[in-house]
């Protein structure tokens, strides 16, 4: 299902879960040394993305 159709999940490619509190995660790079940035495909911040329920139901109706 996932390899056949990449629209099963809505990929989230902008955002992060960086620490924003100076007292818990100081950094010299303007961001944070703690946390992850989102990326294309699977990433630690958003996983596979948000489910596209309509496409999942279509797949289930077709394949079950």
Protein backbone atom coordinates (compact mmCIF):
# COMPACT_ATOMS: atom_id res chain seq x y z
CA UNK A 1 0.00 0.00 0.00
CA UNK A 2 2.65 2.50 0.98
CA UNK A 3 5.12 1.67 -1.78
CA UNK A 4 2.42 1.51 -4.43
CA UNK A 5 0.88 4.90 -3.68
CA UNK A 6 2.76 7.67 -1.90
CA UNK A 7 -0.47 9.65 -1.41
CA UNK A 8 -1.58 7.29 1.39
CA UNK A 9 0.00 9.78 3.78
CA UNK A 10 0.37 13.54 3.45
CA UNK A 11 4.09 14.10 3.78
CA UNK A 12 4.95 17.00 6.07
CA UNK A 13 8.19 18.55 4.84
CA UNK A 14 8.36 21.81 6.80
CA UNK A 15 8.86 22.13 10.53
CA UNK A 16 10.93 20.76 13.35
CA UNK A 17 10.82 19.77 17.00
CA UNK A 18 13.90 21.70 18.07
CA UNK A 19 14.16 22.83 21.64
CA UNK A 20 13.49 26.56 21.78
CA UNK A 21 14.40 27.29 25.36
CA UNK A 22 17.87 28.80 25.75
CA UNK A 23 18.31 27.34 29.23
CA UNK A 24 17.73 23.75 28.09
CA UNK A 25 19.53 23.68 24.76
CA UNK A 26 21.92 26.50 23.96
CA UNK A 27 23.36 26.46 20.47
CA UNK A 28 25.69 28.53 18.35
CA UNK A 29 24.06 27.63 15.04
CA UNK A 30 20.87 29.70 15.36
CA UNK A 31 18.74 26.59 15.74
CA UNK A 32 19.19 23.80 18.17
CA UNK A 33 21.46 20.87 18.73
CA UNK A 34 18.48 18.97 20.17
CA UNK A 35 15.66 17.81 17.93
CA UNK A 36 15.03 17.04 14.28
CA UNK A 37 13.93 18.82 11.14
CA UNK A 38 11.20 17.36 8.96
CA UNK A 39 12.19 16.00 5.56
CA UNK A 40 10.75 14.33 2.48
CA UNK A 41 9.55 10.82 3.33
CA UNK A 42 9.84 9.35 6.80
CA UNK A 43 11.44 11.53 9.47
CA UNK A 44 11.57 11.45 13.29
CA UNK A 45 9.41 14.59 13.61
CA UNK A 46 6.29 13.61 11.67
CA UNK A 47 6.86 9.95 10.84
CA UNK A 48 5.14 9.08 7.58
CA UNK A 49 2.92 12.18 7.82
CA UNK A 50 -0.81 12.51 8.36
CA UNK A 51 -3.07 9.75 7.04
CA UNK A 52 -5.09 10.43 3.90
CA UNK A 53 -8.18 8.55 5.05
CA UNK A 54 -9.93 8.81 1.68
CA UNK A 55 -7.07 7.07 -0.12
CA UNK A 56 -6.72 4.47 2.62
CA UNK A 57 -10.43 3.62 2.33
CA UNK A 58 -10.17 3.37 -1.46
CA UNK A 59 -7.24 0.97 -1.10
CA UNK A 60 -9.08 -1.12 1.49
CA UNK A 61 -12.20 -1.35 -0.67
CA UNK A 62 -10.11 -2.43 -3.65
CA UNK A 63 -7.86 -4.92 -1.85
CA UNK A 64 -9.96 -6.51 0.89
